[in-house]
Amino acid sequence: MVCGPGEDGKRGDVIPKGGKKGKGKGKGKDGKGKDGKSDKPQSRHMVPSPLGLSFCAAFEELDAELCRPQIRAYMEKQCAQIADGVLEKDDVVAENIKLFESKFQSFRNRIGQLDKFFVPKD
């Protein structure tokens, strides 16, 4: 492996790869260590915490549209229309600021309804 340019812009020095060679290196074919256990998780899926689930439920309660992909898809469509010259960027930005400001005001006015989602554990 070469590490960057050398002096006067010439090719840099070759740096050998480190590490052990042969037996004892790594975990082997089965992916397990010496103790026979694998470090790999059983699944690559994220598992939400109870608090995360509470936040999702709270958002669904107050404004389910924020949890759906349609709102993002609509904004992406608008971005494409800006790129195509169909819409003006300033108009799209103003429209989305107005939309999300109204969503924020509604959310803030109804925040008291969320207490039931965040009850402390006894």
Protein backbone atom coordinates (compact mmCIF):
# COMPACT_ATOMS: atom_id res chain seq x y z
CA MET A 1 0.00 0.00 0.00
CA VAL A 2 1.31 3.47 -0.90
CA CYS A 3 0.68 6.25 1.56
CA GLY A 4 0.32 9.62 -0.16
CA PRO A 5 2.81 11.46 -2.36
CA GLY A 6 6.48 11.29 -1.54
CA GLU A 7 9.02 14.09 -1.56
CA ASP A 8 9.08 16.40 -4.59
CA GLY A 9 5.70 15.02 -5.81
CA LYS A 10 7.12 11.58 -6.53
CA ARG A 11 5.46 8.34 -5.51
CA GLY A 12 5.33 7.75 -1.77
CA ASP A 13 6.91 4.95 0.21
CA VAL A 14 5.34 1.52 0.24
CA ILE A 15 3.94 0.66 3.65
CA PRO A 16 3.50 -3.06 4.35
CA LYS A 17 0.20 -4.33 5.71
CA GLY A 18 0.38 -5.21 9.39
CA GLY A 19 -1.14 -8.03 11.35
CA LYS A 20 -0.47 -11.68 12.00
CA LYS A 21 -0.12 -14.23 9.26
CA GLY A 22 -1.47 -17.76 9.40
CA LYS A 23 -3.24 -19.50 12.27
CA GLY A 24 -4.69 -17.51 15.13
CA LYS A 25 -5.63 -14.55 12.97
CA GLY A 26 -9.26 -13.49 12.97
CA LYS A 27 -12.28 -15.59 13.83
CA GLY A 28 -12.12 -18.26 11.17
CA LYS A 29 -14.63 -19.45 8.61
CA ASP A 30 -17.57 -19.84 10.96
CA GLY A 31 -17.30 -16.23 12.22
CA LYS A 32 -16.98 -17.35 15.82
CA GLY A 33 -14.24 -16.48 18.25
CA LYS A 34 -12.28 -18.81 20.46
CA ASP A 35 -15.17 -18.99 22.93
CA GLY A 36 -17.47 -20.28 20.15
CA LYS A 37 -19.72 -17.21 20.24
CA SER A 38 -20.35 -14.87 17.34
CA ASP A 39 -20.10 -11.09 17.68
CA LYS A 40 -22.60 -10.60 14.87
CA PRO A 41 -26.10 -9.55 15.87
CA GLN A 42 -28.95 -11.94 15.08
CA SER A 43 -30.61 -9.33 12.90
CA ARG A 44 -29.61 -6.14 11.14
CA HIS A 45 -33.01 -4.57 11.91
CA MET A 46 -33.30 -1.75 14.40
CA VAL A 47 -35.42 -2.47 17.42
CA PRO A 48 -37.05 0.70 18.77
CA SER A 49 -36.90 1.41 22.47
CA PRO A 50 -40.11 1.89 24.46
CA LEU A 51 -39.44 5.64 24.47
CA GLY A 52 -39.01 5.63 20.68
CA LEU A 53 -42.29 3.76 20.28
CA SER A 54 -43.97 6.34 22.52
CA PHE A 55 -42.69 9.17 20.32
CA CYS A 56 -43.99 7.41 17.20
CA ALA A 57 -47.41 6.90 18.78
CA ALA A 58 -47.49 10.53 19.92
CA PHE A 59 -46.73 11.82 16.42
CA GLU A 60 -49.38 9.51 14.96
CA GLU A 61 -51.88 10.92 17.47
CA LEU A 62 -51.24 14.58 16.70
CA ASP A 63 -50.37 14.55 12.99
CA ALA A 64 -50.25 11.18 11.27
CA GLU A 65 -49.28 12.86 7.99
CA LEU A 66 -45.82 13.57 9.46
CA CYS A 67 -45.28 9.82 9.86
CA ARG A 68 -46.22 8.90 6.31
CA PRO A 69 -43.91 8.91 3.28
CA GLN A 70 -46.34 10.93 1.15
CA ILE A 71 -45.28 14.28 2.60
CA ARG A 72 -41.63 13.63 1.74
CA ALA A 73 -42.57 12.30 -1.71
CA TYR A 74 -44.56 15.47 -2.37
CA MET A 75 -41.59 17.65 -1.41
CA GLU A 76 -39.25 15.57 -3.59
CA LYS A 77 -41.67 15.99 -6.49
CA GLN A 78 -41.59 19.75 -5.92
CA CYS A 79 -37.77 19.69 -5.96
CA ALA A 80 -37.84 17.87 -9.29
CA GLN A 81 -40.29 20.45 -10.64
CA ILE A 82 -37.92 23.22 -9.54
CA ALA A 83 -35.09 21.50 -11.39
CA ASP A 84 -37.31 21.20 -14.49
CA GLY A 85 -38.24 24.88 -14.30
CA VAL A 86 -41.94 24.16 -13.63
CA LEU A 87 -41.91 25.72 -10.13
CA GLU A 88 -39.92 28.52 -8.53
CA LYS A 89 -37.75 27.66 -5.55
CA ASP A 90 -38.93 30.65 -3.48
CA ASP A 91 -42.58 29.67 -4.00
CA VAL A 92 -41.93 26.08 -2.92
CA VAL A 93 -39.95 27.14 0.13
CA ALA A 94 -42.66 29.62 1.17
CA GLU A 95 -45.38 27.01 0.70
CA ASN A 96 -43.54 24.41 2.78
CA ILE A 97 -42.66 26.87 5.54
CA LYS A 98 -46.34 27.84 5.74
CA LEU A 99 -47.37 24.17 5.80
CA PHE A 100 -44.94 23.15 8.53
CA GLU A 101 -45.56 26.28 10.57
CA SER A 102 -49.26 25.42 10.69
CA LYS A 103 -48.39 21.82 11.63
CA PHE A 104 -46.11 23.09 14.38
CA GLN A 105 -48.80 25.44 15.76
CA SER A 106 -51.35 22.62 15.77
CA PHE A 107 -48.86 20.25 17.40
CA ARG A 108 -47.98 22.82 20.07
CA ASN A 109 -51.62 23.58 20.82
CA ARG A 110 -52.41 19.88 21.32
CA ILE A 111 -49.22 18.86 23.17
CA GLY A 112 -51.21 18.21 26.38
CA GLN A 113 -52.82 15.20 24.71
CA LEU A 114 -49.47 13.41 24.72
CA ASP A 115 -49.12 12.89 28.46
CA LYS A 116 -50.64 9.42 28.17
CA PHE A 117 -47.71 8.32 25.94
CA PHE A 118 -45.02 9.32 28.43
CA VAL A 119 -46.10 7.82 31.74
CA PRO A 120 -43.10 7.04 34.00
CA LYS A 121 -42.47 3.43 34.95
CA ASP A 122 -43.27 2.58 38.56
